[in-house]
């Protein structure tokens, strides 16, 4: 259970940082307010991504293991 939570936090955090940064840059461009918009987008994404990563991660792992065995 501890591994599942830590993995979810790490996956959710990395994905939130990367995706919110790219989407913010694509939608609004790079200017003086970029970092503030990115920080806001990250904070919203993180709250959603971490629990989802913790819940969906084990299912995705099972699917991946099944695909690799096939």
PDB file of N, CA and C in Angstrom:
ATOM      1  N   UNK A   1       0.828  -1.201   0.000  1.00  0.00           N
ATOM      2  CA  UNK A   1       0.000   0.000   0.000  1.00  0.00           C
ATOM      3  C   UNK A   1       0.865   1.254   0.000  1.00  0.00           C
ATOM      4  N   UNK A   2       1.960   1.245   0.779  1.00  0.00           N
ATOM      5  CA  UNK A   2       2.850   2.403   0.827  1.00  0.00           C
ATOM      6  C   UNK A   2       3.460   2.668  -0.548  1.00  0.00           C
ATOM      7  N   UNK A   3       3.876   1.589  -1.236  1.00  0.00           N
ATOM      8  CA  UNK A   3       4.456   1.725  -2.571  1.00  0.00           C
ATOM      9  C   UNK A   3       3.433   2.300  -3.543  1.00  0.00           C
ATOM     10  N   UNK A   4       2.194   1.872  -3.436  1.00  0.00           N
ATOM     11  CA  UNK A   4       1.133   2.368  -4.315  1.00  0.00           C
ATOM     12  C   UNK A   4       0.929   3.875  -4.127  1.00  0.00           C
ATOM     13  N   UNK A   5       0.947   4.330  -2.896  1.00  0.00           N
ATOM     14  CA  UNK A   5       0.749   5.755  -2.608  1.00  0.00           C
ATOM     15  C   UNK A   5       1.938   6.573  -3.102  1.00  0.00           C
ATOM     16  N   UNK A   6       3.145   6.119  -2.789  1.00  0.00           N
ATOM     17  CA  UNK A   6       4.345   6.853  -3.221  1.00  0.00           C
ATOM     18  C   UNK A   6       4.422   6.899  -4.746  1.00  0.00           C
ATOM     19  N   UNK A   7       4.144   5.783  -5.389  1.00  0.00           N
ATOM     20  CA  UNK A   7       4.156   5.747  -6.852  1.00  0.00           C
ATOM     21  C   UNK A   7       3.111   6.704  -7.414  1.00  0.00           C
ATOM     22  N   UNK A   8       1.925   6.717  -6.843  1.00  0.00           N
ATOM     23  CA  UNK A   8       0.878   7.632  -7.290  1.00  0.00           C
ATOM     24  C   UNK A   8       1.266   9.090  -7.130  1.00  0.00           C
ATOM     25  N   UNK A   9       1.891   9.407  -6.007  1.00  0.00           N
ATOM     26  CA  UNK A   9       2.331  10.795  -5.776  1.00  0.00           C
ATOM     27  C   UNK A   9       3.400  11.189  -6.794  1.00  0.00           C
ATOM     28  N   UNK A  10       4.378  10.311  -7.013  1.00  0.00           N
ATOM     29  CA  UNK A  10       5.442  10.630  -7.976  1.00  0.00           C
ATOM     30  C   UNK A  10       4.904  10.736  -9.398  1.00  0.00           C
ATOM     31  N   UNK A  11       4.126   9.752  -9.825  1.00  0.00           N
ATOM     32  CA  UNK A  11       3.571   9.783 -11.182  1.00  0.00           C
ATOM     33  C   UNK A  11       2.672  10.999 -11.382  1.00  0.00           C
ATOM     34  N   UNK A  12       1.789  11.245 -10.419  1.00  0.00           N
ATOM     35  CA  UNK A  12       0.884  12.384 -10.518  1.00  0.00           C
ATOM     36  C   UNK A  12       1.622  13.711 -10.545  1.00  0.00           C
ATOM     37  N   UNK A  13       2.658  13.825  -9.730  1.00  0.00           N
ATOM     38  CA  UNK A  13       3.427  15.066  -9.679  1.00  0.00           C
ATOM     39  C   UNK A  13       4.175  15.308 -10.988  1.00  0.00           C
ATOM     40  N   UNK A  14       4.899  14.294 -11.463  1.00  0.00           N
ATOM     41  CA  UNK A  14       5.657  14.467 -12.707  1.00  0.00           C
ATOM     42  C   UNK A  14       4.730  14.755 -13.890  1.00  0.00           C
ATOM     43  N   UNK A  15       3.656  14.009 -13.987  1.00  0.00           N
ATOM     44  CA  UNK A  15       2.724  14.223 -15.098  1.00  0.00           C
ATOM     45  C   UNK A  15       2.068  15.599 -15.005  1.00  0.00           C
ATOM     46  N   UNK A  16       1.720  16.033 -13.805  1.00  0.00           N
ATOM     47  CA  UNK A  16       1.100  17.351 -13.632  1.00  0.00           C
ATOM     48  C   UNK A  16       2.043  18.474 -14.016  1.00  0.00           C
ATOM     49  N   UNK A  17       3.305  18.360 -13.599  1.00  0.00           N
ATOM     50  CA  UNK A  17       4.289  19.395 -13.939  1.00  0.00           C
ATOM     51  C   UNK A  17       4.466  19.483 -15.449  1.00  0.00           C
ATOM     52  N   UNK A  18       4.691  18.335 -16.066  1.00  0.00           N
ATOM     53  CA  UNK A  18       4.978  18.313 -17.502  1.00  0.00           C
ATOM     54  C   UNK A  18       3.762  18.739 -18.322  1.00  0.00           C
ATOM     55  N   UNK A  19       2.619  18.113 -18.068  1.00  0.00           N
ATOM     56  CA  UNK A  19       1.440  18.392 -18.880  1.00  0.00           C
ATOM     57  C   UNK A  19       0.913  19.811 -18.665  1.00  0.00           C
ATOM     58  N   UNK A  20       0.872  20.281 -17.428  1.00  0.00           N
ATOM     59  CA  UNK A  20       0.378  21.633 -17.197  1.00  0.00           C
ATOM     60  C   UNK A  20       1.310  22.665 -17.825  1.00  0.00           C
ATOM     61  N   UNK A  21       2.610  22.389 -17.802  1.00  0.00           N
ATOM     62  CA  UNK A  21       3.558  23.305 -18.439  1.00  0.00           C
ATOM     63  C   UNK A  21       3.367  23.376 -19.939  1.00  0.00           C
ATOM     64  N   UNK A  22       3.274  22.218 -20.578  1.00  0.00           N
ATOM     65  CA  UNK A  22       3.071  22.206 -22.032  1.00  0.00           C
ATOM     66  C   UNK A  22       1.741  22.826 -22.437  1.00  0.00           C
ATOM     67  N   UNK A  23       0.677  22.446 -21.770  1.00  0.00           N
ATOM     68  CA  UNK A  23      -0.644  22.966 -22.136  1.00  0.00           C
ATOM     69  C   UNK A  23      -0.732  24.465 -21.873  1.00  0.00           C
ATOM     70  N   UNK A  24      -0.164  24.933 -20.778  1.00  0.00           N
ATOM     71  CA  UNK A  24      -0.158  26.364 -20.495  1.00  0.00           C
ATOM     72  C   UNK A  24       0.625  27.114 -21.562  1.00  0.00           C
ATOM     73  N   UNK A  25       1.770  26.579 -21.957  1.00  0.00           N
ATOM     74  CA  UNK A  25       2.578  27.233 -22.998  1.00  0.00           C
ATOM     75  C   UNK A  25       1.854  27.256 -24.336  1.00  0.00           C
ATOM     76  N   UNK A  26       1.229  26.155 -24.688  1.00  0.00           N
ATOM     77  CA  UNK A  26       0.514  26.089 -25.973  1.00  0.00           C
ATOM     78  C   UNK A  26      -0.675  27.051 -25.971  1.00  0.00           C
ATOM     79  N   UNK A  27      -1.421  27.075 -24.881  1.00  0.00           N
ATOM     80  CA  UNK A  27      -2.637  27.892 -24.844  1.00  0.00           C
ATOM     81  C   UNK A  27      -2.388  29.379 -24.637  1.00  0.00           C
ATOM     82  N   UNK A  28      -1.343  29.740 -23.892  1.00  0.00           N
ATOM     83  CA  UNK A  28      -1.166  31.151 -23.550  1.00  0.00           C
ATOM     84  C   UNK A  28       0.185  31.719 -23.949  1.00  0.00           C
ATOM     85  N   UNK A  29       1.117  30.866 -24.335  1.00  0.00           N
ATOM     86  CA  UNK A  29       2.439  31.345 -24.730  1.00  0.00           C
ATOM     87  C   UNK A  29       3.311  31.689 -23.536  1.00  0.00           C
ATOM     88  N   UNK A  30       4.536  32.070 -23.863  1.00  0.00           N
ATOM     89  CA  UNK A  30       5.508  32.447 -22.841  1.00  0.00           C
ATOM     90  C   UNK A  30       5.542  33.970 -22.731  1.00  0.00           C
ATOM     91  N   UNK A  31       5.157  34.479 -21.583  1.00  0.00           N
ATOM     92  CA  UNK A  31       5.268  35.912 -21.316  1.00  0.00           C
ATOM     93  C   UNK A  31       5.516  36.096 -19.822  1.00  0.00           C
ATOM     94  N   UNK A  32       5.369  37.304 -19.334  1.00  0.00           N
ATOM     95  CA  UNK A  32       5.693  37.581 -17.934  1.00  0.00           C
ATOM     96  C   UNK A  32       4.822  36.807 -16.953  1.00  0.00           C
ATOM     97  N   UNK A  33       3.596  36.460 -17.324  1.00  0.00           N
ATOM     98  CA  UNK A  33       2.704  35.768 -16.401  1.00  0.00           C
ATOM     99  C   UNK A  33       2.707  34.254 -16.536  1.00  0.00           C
ATOM    100  N   UNK A  34       3.605  33.721 -17.377  1.00  0.00           N
ATOM    101  CA  UNK A  34       3.601  32.278 -17.643  1.00  0.00           C
ATOM    102  C   UNK A  34       3.783  31.443 -16.382  1.00  0.00           C
ATOM    103  N   UNK A  35       4.749  31.781 -15.554  1.00  0.00           N
ATOM    104  CA  UNK A  35       5.052  30.969 -14.373  1.00  0.00           C
ATOM    105  C   UNK A  35       3.854  30.944 -13.419  1.00  0.00           C
ATOM    106  N   UNK A  36       3.179  32.068 -13.239  1.00  0.00           N
ATOM    107  CA  UNK A  36       2.007  32.114 -12.355  1.00  0.00           C
ATOM    108  C   UNK A  36       0.875  31.258 -12.919  1.00  0.00           C
ATOM    109  N   UNK A  37       0.633  31.340 -14.229  1.00  0.00           N
ATOM    110  CA  UNK A  37      -0.407  30.511 -14.848  1.00  0.00           C
ATOM    111  C   UNK A  37      -0.056  29.035 -14.752  1.00  0.00           C
ATOM    112  N   UNK A  38       1.219  28.714 -14.975  1.00  0.00           N
ATOM    113  CA  UNK A  38       1.671  27.335 -14.882  1.00  0.00           C
ATOM    114  C   UNK A  38       1.499  26.806 -13.458  1.00  0.00           C
ATOM    115  N   UNK A  39       1.870  27.600 -12.466  1.00  0.00           N
ATOM    116  CA  UNK A  39       1.726  27.186 -11.067  1.00  0.00           C
ATOM    117  C   UNK A  39       0.260  26.924 -10.721  1.00  0.00           C
ATOM    118  N   UNK A  40      -0.619  27.782 -11.200  1.00  0.00           N
ATOM    119  CA  UNK A  40      -2.049  27.580 -10.947  1.00  0.00           C
ATOM    120  C   UNK A  40      -2.536  26.303 -11.631  1.00  0.00           C
ATOM    121  N   UNK A  41      -2.188  26.130 -12.901  1.00  0.00           N
ATOM    122  CA  UNK A  41      -2.599  24.935 -13.639  1.00  0.00           C
ATOM    123  C   UNK A  41      -2.044  23.677 -12.980  1.00  0.00           C
ATOM    124  N   UNK A  42      -0.795  23.730 -12.534  1.00  0.00           N
ATOM    125  CA  UNK A  42      -0.194  22.587 -11.843  1.00  0.00           C
ATOM    126  C   UNK A  42      -0.957  22.253 -10.575  1.00  0.00           C
ATOM    127  N   UNK A  43      -1.305  23.255  -9.780  1.00  0.00           N
ATOM    128  CA  UNK A  43      -1.995  22.987  -8.519  1.00  0.00           C
ATOM    129  C   UNK A  43      -3.362  22.336  -8.747  1.00  0.00           C
ATOM    130  N   UNK A  44      -4.056  22.753  -9.787  1.00  0.00           N
ATOM    131  CA  UNK A  44      -5.341  22.132 -10.110  1.00  0.00           C
ATOM    132  C   UNK A  44      -5.121  20.707 -10.610  1.00  0.00           C
ATOM    133  N   UNK A  45      -4.160  20.530 -11.513  1.00  0.00           N
ATOM    134  CA  UNK A  45      -3.895  19.212 -12.089  1.00  0.00           C
ATOM    135  C   UNK A  45      -3.396  18.229 -11.039  1.00  0.00           C
ATOM    136  N   UNK A  46      -2.573  18.692 -10.122  1.00  0.00           N
ATOM    137  CA  UNK A  46      -1.988  17.801  -9.120  1.00  0.00           C
ATOM    138  C   UNK A  46      -3.052  17.170  -8.233  1.00  0.00           C
ATOM    139  N   UNK A  47      -4.033  17.988  -7.838  1.00  0.00           N
ATOM    140  CA  UNK A  47      -5.110  17.495  -6.969  1.00  0.00           C
ATOM    141  C   UNK A  47      -5.894  16.378  -7.657  1.00  0.00           C
ATOM    142  N   UNK A  48      -6.001  16.433  -8.967  1.00  0.00           N
ATOM    143  CA  UNK A  48      -6.721  15.410  -9.729  1.00  0.00           C
ATOM    144  C   UNK A  48      -5.797  14.239 -10.070  1.00  0.00           C
ATOM    145  N   UNK A  49      -4.577  14.526 -10.480  1.00  0.00           N
ATOM    146  CA  UNK A  49      -3.680  13.493 -11.003  1.00  0.00           C
ATOM    147  C   UNK A  49      -3.174  12.520  -9.952  1.00  0.00           C
ATOM    148  N   UNK A  50      -2.870  12.982  -8.769  1.00  0.00           N
ATOM    149  CA  UNK A  50      -2.293  12.085  -7.755  1.00  0.00           C
ATOM    150  C   UNK A  50      -3.275  10.989  -7.334  1.00  0.00           C
ATOM    151  N   UNK A  51      -4.501  11.318  -6.971  1.00  0.00           N
ATOM    152  CA  UNK A  51      -5.421  10.227  -6.627  1.00  0.00           C
ATOM    153  C   UNK A  51      -5.707   9.297  -7.813  1.00  0.00           C
ATOM    154  N   UNK A  52      -5.828   9.874  -9.007  1.00  0.00           N
ATOM    155  CA  UNK A  52      -6.066   9.034 -10.177  1.00  0.00           C
ATOM    156  C   UNK A  52      -4.896   8.107 -10.450  1.00  0.00           C
ATOM    157  N   UNK A  53      -3.687   8.606 -10.323  1.00  0.00           N
ATOM    158  CA  UNK A  53      -2.507   7.767 -10.547  1.00  0.00           C
ATOM    159  C   UNK A  53      -2.454   6.643  -9.521  1.00  0.00           C
ATOM    160  N   UNK A  54      -2.813   6.933  -8.288  1.00  0.00           N
ATOM    161  CA  UNK A  54      -2.810   5.897  -7.256  1.00  0.00           C
ATOM    162  C   UNK A  54      -3.885   4.850  -7.508  1.00  0.00           C
ATOM    163  N   UNK A  55      -5.028   5.280  -8.042  1.00  0.00           N
ATOM    164  CA  UNK A  55      -6.118   4.343  -8.309  1.00  0.00           C
ATOM    165  C   UNK A  55      -5.943   3.576  -9.618  1.00  0.00           C
ATOM    166  N   UNK A  56      -5.502   4.264 -10.659  1.00  0.00           N
ATOM    167  CA  UNK A  56      -5.409   3.658 -11.983  1.00  0.00           C
ATOM    168  C   UNK A  56      -4.081   2.937 -12.191  1.00  0.00           C
ATOM    169  N   UNK A  57      -3.055   3.330 -11.479  1.00  0.00           N
ATOM    170  CA  UNK A  57      -1.727   2.739 -11.641  1.00  0.00           C
ATOM    171  C   UNK A  57      -1.699   1.220 -11.558  1.00  0.00           C
ATOM    172  N   UNK A  58      -2.286   0.626 -10.524  1.00  0.00           N
ATOM    173  CA  UNK A  58      -2.270  -0.833 -10.436  1.00  0.00           C
ATOM    174  C   UNK A  58      -3.009  -1.515 -11.589  1.00  0.00           C
ATOM    175  N   UNK A  59      -4.098  -0.925 -12.050  1.00  0.00           N
ATOM    176  CA  UNK A  59      -4.833  -1.483 -13.191  1.00  0.00           C
ATOM    177  C   UNK A  59      -3.974  -1.403 -14.446  1.00  0.00           C
ATOM    178  N   UNK A  60      -3.340  -0.261 -14.660  1.00  0.00           N
ATOM    179  CA  UNK A  60      -2.461  -0.104 -15.820  1.00  0.00           C
ATOM    180  C   UNK A  60      -1.304  -1.090 -15.769  1.00  0.00           C
ATOM    181  N   UNK A  61      -0.783  -1.336 -14.594  1.00  0.00           N
ATOM    182  CA  UNK A  61       0.315  -2.298 -14.458  1.00  0.00           C
ATOM    183  C   UNK A  61      -0.139  -3.710 -14.830  1.00  0.00           C
ATOM    184  N   UNK A  62      -1.320  -4.091 -14.393  1.00  0.00           N
ATOM    185  CA  UNK A  62      -1.859  -5.414 -14.743  1.00  0.00           C
ATOM    186  C   UNK A  62      -2.058  -5.530 -16.251  1.00  0.00           C
ATOM    187  N   UNK A  63      -2.588  -4.492 -16.869  1.00  0.00           N
ATOM    188  CA  UNK A  63      -2.782  -4.502 -18.323  1.00  0.00           C
ATOM    189  C   UNK A  63      -1.440  -4.598 -19.037  1.00  0.00           C
ATOM    190  N   UNK A  64      -0.462  -3.852 -18.558  1.00  0.00           N
ATOM    191  CA  UNK A  64       0.861  -3.879 -19.174  1.00  0.00           C
ATOM    192  C   UNK A  64       1.481  -5.258 -19.038  1.00  0.00           C
ATOM    193  N   UNK A  65       1.350  -5.875 -17.878  1.00  0.00           N
ATOM    194  CA  UNK A  65       1.879  -7.217 -17.691  1.00  0.00           C
ATOM    195  C   UNK A  65       1.200  -8.213 -18.624  1.00  0.00           C
ATOM    196  N   UNK A  66      -0.107  -8.069 -18.814  1.00  0.00           N
ATOM    197  CA  UNK A  66      -0.840  -8.948 -19.732  1.00  0.00           C
ATOM    198  C   UNK A  66      -0.392  -8.735 -21.170  1.00  0.00           C
ATOM    199  N   UNK A  67      -0.152  -7.486 -21.553  1.00  0.00           N
ATOM    200  CA  UNK A  67       0.310  -7.208 -22.917  1.00  0.00           C
ATOM    201  C   UNK A  67       1.697  -7.751 -23.179  1.00  0.00           C
ATOM    202  N   UNK A  68       2.558  -7.649 -22.189  1.00  0.00           N
ATOM    203  CA  UNK A  68       3.930  -8.128 -22.338  1.00  0.00           C
ATOM    204  C   UNK A  68       3.951  -9.645 -22.436  1.00  0.00           C
ATOM    205  N   UNK A  69       3.078 -10.313 -21.684  1.00  0.00           N
ATOM    206  CA  UNK A  69       3.008 -11.781 -21.742  1.00  0.00           C
ATOM    207  C   UNK A  69       2.397 -12.285 -23.035  1.00  0.00           C
ATOM    208  N   UNK A  70       1.568 -11.474 -23.675  1.00  0.00           N
ATOM    209  CA  UNK A  70       0.876 -11.927 -24.897  1.00  0.00           C
ATOM    210  C   UNK A  70       1.799 -12.064 -26.073  1.00  0.00           C
TER     211      UNK A  70
END
